[in-house]
N, C-alpha and C. Protein backbone atom coordinates (compact mmCIF):
# COMPACT_ATOMS: atom_id res chain seq x y z
N MET A 1 8.11 45.66 14.54
CA MET A 1 9.24 45.89 14.09
C MET A 1 9.62 44.93 12.84
N THR A 2 9.22 43.82 12.63
CA THR A 2 9.47 42.86 11.54
C THR A 2 8.83 43.50 10.28
N LEU A 3 7.48 44.02 10.67
CA LEU A 3 6.68 44.46 9.51
C LEU A 3 7.41 45.58 8.91
N THR A 4 8.04 46.47 9.72
CA THR A 4 8.57 47.50 9.17
C THR A 4 9.90 47.19 8.30
N THR A 5 10.65 46.20 9.07
CA THR A 5 11.78 45.60 8.06
C THR A 5 11.35 45.25 6.78
N VAL A 6 10.32 44.35 6.78
CA VAL A 6 9.78 43.63 5.33
C VAL A 6 9.39 44.80 4.52
N ALA A 7 8.95 45.82 4.74
CA ALA A 7 8.11 47.05 4.30
C ALA A 7 9.51 47.83 3.65
N VAL A 8 10.58 48.23 4.48
CA VAL A 8 11.61 48.73 3.77
C VAL A 8 12.47 47.89 2.78
N LEU A 9 12.56 46.67 3.01
CA LEU A 9 13.20 45.73 2.13
C LEU A 9 12.34 45.71 0.89
N PHE A 10 11.08 45.62 1.00
CA PHE A 10 10.25 45.52 -0.28
C PHE A 10 10.33 47.10 -1.07
N GLY A 11 10.46 48.17 -0.19
CA GLY A 11 10.73 49.46 -0.97
C GLY A 11 12.04 49.49 -1.68
N CYS A 12 12.80 48.92 -1.11
CA CYS A 12 14.50 48.76 -1.61
C CYS A 12 14.27 47.96 -3.14
N PHE A 13 13.59 46.84 -2.94
CA PHE A 13 13.64 45.91 -4.17
C PHE A 13 12.80 46.77 -5.28
N ALA A 14 11.67 47.32 -4.76
CA ALA A 14 11.08 47.91 -5.86
C ALA A 14 11.49 49.22 -6.59
N ILE A 15 12.41 49.94 -5.80
CA ILE A 15 13.03 51.12 -6.23
C ILE A 15 13.89 50.73 -7.18
N CYS A 16 14.73 49.61 -6.86
CA CYS A 16 15.75 49.15 -7.69
C CYS A 16 15.25 48.52 -9.01
N LEU A 17 14.11 47.96 -8.86
CA LEU A 17 13.21 47.24 -10.17
C LEU A 17 12.95 48.36 -10.88
N ILE A 18 12.33 49.63 -10.56
CA ILE A 18 11.77 50.64 -11.12
C ILE A 18 13.04 51.22 -11.90
N LEU A 19 14.25 51.59 -11.20
CA LEU A 19 15.21 52.07 -11.84
C LEU A 19 15.81 51.22 -12.85
N LEU A 20 16.01 49.97 -12.71
CA LEU A 20 16.39 49.31 -13.89
C LEU A 20 15.33 49.15 -15.04
N LEU A 21 14.13 49.01 -14.76
CA LEU A 21 13.19 49.25 -15.86
C LEU A 21 13.43 50.53 -16.67
N ILE A 22 13.35 51.53 -15.91
CA ILE A 22 13.87 52.78 -16.79
C ILE A 22 14.85 52.82 -17.45
N TYR A 23 16.01 52.35 -16.87
CA TYR A 23 17.22 52.21 -17.53
C TYR A 23 17.21 51.46 -18.83
N ARG A 24 16.50 50.46 -18.76
CA ARG A 24 16.41 49.46 -19.97
C ARG A 24 15.56 49.97 -21.09
N SER A 25 14.45 50.72 -20.61
CA SER A 25 13.75 51.35 -21.63
C SER A 25 14.12 52.58 -22.17
N THR A 26 15.58 53.11 -21.56
CA THR A 26 16.19 54.15 -22.10
C THR A 26 17.11 53.80 -23.29
N LEU A 27 17.51 52.39 -23.01
CA LEU A 27 18.48 51.55 -23.87
C LEU A 27 17.63 51.47 -25.08
N THR A 28 16.35 50.86 -24.92
CA THR A 28 15.85 50.30 -25.92
C THR A 28 15.14 51.28 -26.94
N MET A 29 14.99 52.64 -26.32
CA MET A 29 14.68 53.65 -27.52
C MET A 29 15.62 54.04 -28.11
N ARG A 30 16.96 53.85 -27.99
CA ARG A 30 18.04 54.40 -28.56
C ARG A 30 18.47 53.21 -29.74
N ARG A 31 17.84 52.00 -29.62
CA ARG A 31 18.01 50.90 -30.23
C ARG A 31 17.20 50.98 -31.58
N GLU A 32 17.84 50.53 -32.58
CA GLU A 32 17.11 50.55 -34.05
C GLU A 32 17.09 49.00 -34.62
N ASP A 33 16.16 48.55 -34.96
CA ASP A 33 16.09 47.31 -35.59
C ASP A 33 16.35 47.09 -37.03
N ARG A 34 17.13 48.03 -37.61
CA ARG A 34 17.37 48.06 -39.02
C ARG A 34 18.93 47.10 -39.16
N LEU A 35 18.78 46.59 -40.30
CA LEU A 35 19.84 45.85 -40.83
C LEU A 35 21.18 46.68 -41.46
N ALA A 36 22.21 46.89 -41.19
CA ALA A 36 23.13 47.69 -41.96
C ALA A 36 23.78 46.92 -42.85
N LEU A 37 23.63 47.26 -44.37
CA LEU A 37 24.12 46.44 -45.32
C LEU A 37 25.48 46.80 -45.78
N ASP A 38 25.75 48.04 -45.61
CA ASP A 38 27.24 48.68 -46.32
C ASP A 38 28.19 48.63 -45.35
N ASN A 39 29.26 48.76 -45.56
CA ASN A 39 30.45 49.07 -44.79
C ASN A 39 30.56 50.34 -44.10
N SER A 40 29.82 51.38 -44.64
CA SER A 40 29.92 52.82 -44.04
C SER A 40 29.10 52.71 -42.68
N SER A 41 28.17 51.94 -42.63
CA SER A 41 27.42 51.91 -41.24
C SER A 41 27.73 50.80 -40.46
N SER A 42 29.09 50.43 -40.56
CA SER A 42 29.49 49.19 -39.57
C SER A 42 29.63 49.58 -37.96
N HIS A 43 30.13 50.96 -37.96
CA HIS A 43 30.17 51.51 -36.67
C HIS A 43 28.74 51.71 -35.97
N LEU A 44 27.61 52.02 -36.81
CA LEU A 44 26.13 51.88 -36.39
C LEU A 44 25.81 50.56 -35.86
N GLN A 45 26.18 49.39 -36.73
CA GLN A 45 26.04 48.31 -36.47
C GLN A 45 26.70 47.55 -35.06
N ALA A 46 27.85 48.21 -34.92
CA ALA A 46 28.68 47.88 -33.78
C ALA A 46 27.93 48.34 -32.37
N GLU A 47 27.47 49.61 -32.42
CA GLU A 47 26.82 50.28 -31.50
C GLU A 47 25.32 49.45 -31.01
N GLN A 48 24.99 49.30 -32.01
CA GLN A 48 23.40 48.64 -31.81
C GLN A 48 23.58 47.19 -31.24
N THR A 49 24.75 46.42 -31.78
CA THR A 49 25.13 45.22 -31.03
C THR A 49 25.37 45.43 -29.62
N GLU A 50 26.16 46.09 -29.30
CA GLU A 50 26.59 46.66 -27.97
C GLU A 50 25.24 46.97 -26.91
N LEU A 51 24.65 47.93 -27.50
CA LEU A 51 23.17 48.17 -26.79
C LEU A 51 22.37 46.92 -26.50
N ALA A 52 22.26 45.99 -27.62
CA ALA A 52 21.61 44.75 -27.49
C ALA A 52 22.14 43.97 -26.35
N ALA A 53 23.33 43.82 -26.26
CA ALA A 53 24.08 43.06 -25.17
C ALA A 53 23.86 43.59 -23.90
N LYS A 54 23.73 45.03 -23.74
CA LYS A 54 23.58 45.69 -22.45
C LYS A 54 22.01 45.29 -21.87
N VAL A 55 21.00 45.43 -22.76
CA VAL A 55 19.83 45.08 -22.70
C VAL A 55 19.62 43.66 -22.34
N ASN A 56 20.31 42.60 -22.92
CA ASN A 56 20.35 41.32 -22.57
C ASN A 56 20.80 41.01 -21.38
N ARG A 57 21.78 41.63 -20.84
CA ARG A 57 22.56 41.54 -19.52
C ARG A 57 21.52 41.97 -18.39
N LEU A 58 20.48 42.92 -18.73
CA LEU A 58 19.63 43.52 -17.77
C LEU A 58 18.60 42.55 -17.38
N ASN A 59 18.27 41.32 -18.28
CA ASN A 59 17.00 40.52 -18.04
C ASN A 59 17.18 39.80 -16.89
N ILE A 60 18.38 39.26 -16.53
CA ILE A 60 18.33 38.62 -15.26
C ILE A 60 18.25 39.08 -13.80
N PRO A 61 18.90 40.38 -13.78
CA PRO A 61 18.45 41.32 -12.60
C PRO A 61 17.01 41.82 -12.51
N VAL A 62 16.44 42.05 -13.61
CA VAL A 62 15.07 42.33 -13.90
C VAL A 62 14.26 41.32 -13.07
N ARG A 63 14.47 40.16 -13.58
CA ARG A 63 13.78 39.10 -13.35
C ARG A 63 13.82 38.66 -11.61
N ILE A 64 14.98 38.91 -11.29
CA ILE A 64 15.30 38.52 -9.80
C ILE A 64 14.54 39.56 -9.01
N LEU A 65 14.78 40.95 -9.49
CA LEU A 65 14.20 41.99 -8.54
C LEU A 65 12.55 41.87 -8.68
N SER A 66 12.02 41.32 -9.77
CA SER A 66 10.58 41.28 -10.01
C SER A 66 9.89 39.98 -8.95
N VAL A 67 10.82 39.15 -9.17
CA VAL A 67 10.42 37.93 -8.35
C VAL A 67 10.42 38.11 -6.60
N GLY A 68 11.59 38.96 -6.42
CA GLY A 68 11.64 39.12 -4.90
C GLY A 68 10.87 40.16 -4.61
N SER A 69 10.37 41.12 -5.31
CA SER A 69 9.53 42.45 -4.67
C SER A 69 8.06 41.70 -4.86
N THR A 70 7.87 40.78 -5.53
CA THR A 70 6.67 39.91 -5.49
C THR A 70 6.37 39.30 -4.36
N VAL A 71 7.70 38.43 -4.03
CA VAL A 71 7.49 37.62 -2.88
C VAL A 71 7.39 38.66 -1.52
N LEU A 72 8.06 39.44 -1.55
CA LEU A 72 8.22 40.39 -0.13
C LEU A 72 6.93 41.09 -0.16
N LEU A 73 6.15 41.51 -1.22
CA LEU A 73 4.79 42.18 -1.05
C LEU A 73 3.76 41.00 -0.50
N LEU A 74 3.93 39.85 -1.17
CA LEU A 74 3.02 38.75 -0.52
C LEU A 74 3.11 38.57 1.13
N ILE A 75 4.53 38.70 1.32
CA ILE A 75 4.69 38.49 2.89
C ILE A 75 4.49 39.39 3.59
N LEU A 76 4.64 40.83 3.07
CA LEU A 76 4.21 42.08 3.85
C LEU A 76 2.66 42.01 4.02
N VAL A 77 1.87 41.46 3.05
CA VAL A 77 0.24 41.65 3.00
C VAL A 77 -0.13 40.38 4.05
N ALA A 78 0.72 39.25 3.85
CA ALA A 78 0.33 38.29 4.88
C ALA A 78 0.66 38.42 6.33
N MET A 79 1.87 39.11 6.66
CA MET A 79 2.01 39.60 7.91
C MET A 79 1.10 40.75 8.48
N PHE A 80 0.93 41.63 7.59
CA PHE A 80 -0.18 42.69 7.80
C PHE A 80 -1.56 42.04 8.40
N ILE A 81 -2.10 41.25 7.46
CA ILE A 81 -3.33 40.50 7.91
C ILE A 81 -3.17 39.68 9.18
N TYR A 82 -2.16 39.00 9.30
CA TYR A 82 -1.85 38.33 10.74
C TYR A 82 -1.91 39.17 11.75
N GLN A 83 -1.19 40.24 11.59
CA GLN A 83 -1.23 41.16 12.85
C GLN A 83 -2.55 41.86 13.10
N LYS A 84 -3.45 42.26 12.02
CA LYS A 84 -4.55 42.62 12.29
C LYS A 84 -5.70 41.69 12.84
N MET A 85 -5.46 40.46 12.35
CA MET A 85 -6.38 39.53 12.93
C MET A 85 -5.85 38.97 14.65
N SER A 86 -4.80 38.93 14.79
CA SER A 86 -4.19 38.74 16.16
C SER A 86 -4.72 39.85 16.98
N ALA A 87 -4.50 41.11 16.65
CA ALA A 87 -5.08 42.27 17.37
C ALA A 87 -6.67 42.41 17.54
N ALA A 88 -7.49 41.64 16.53
CA ALA A 88 -8.86 41.70 16.78
C ALA A 88 -9.10 40.46 17.82
N GLU A 89 -8.40 39.61 18.25
CA GLU A 89 -8.70 38.43 19.07
C GLU A 89 -8.61 38.97 20.61
């Protein structure tokens, strides 16, 4: 039962991480690294600044989910190995 719970928790973390990475990649596809020098493109500069802020806000959740899913995967593998070794005895 515990192995199933950890597996489901790992799956939730992994799915959330994948969705955040896809969202972040779609944001960075629209981002341009050009500098607007004239006033006519100031609205484009504001849009790019907003996109950069969104991407930067996603860094912490992506790191938390990455570390969490890695830890859960290691726990899952360790529990699986322990269960198989206990059954063999």
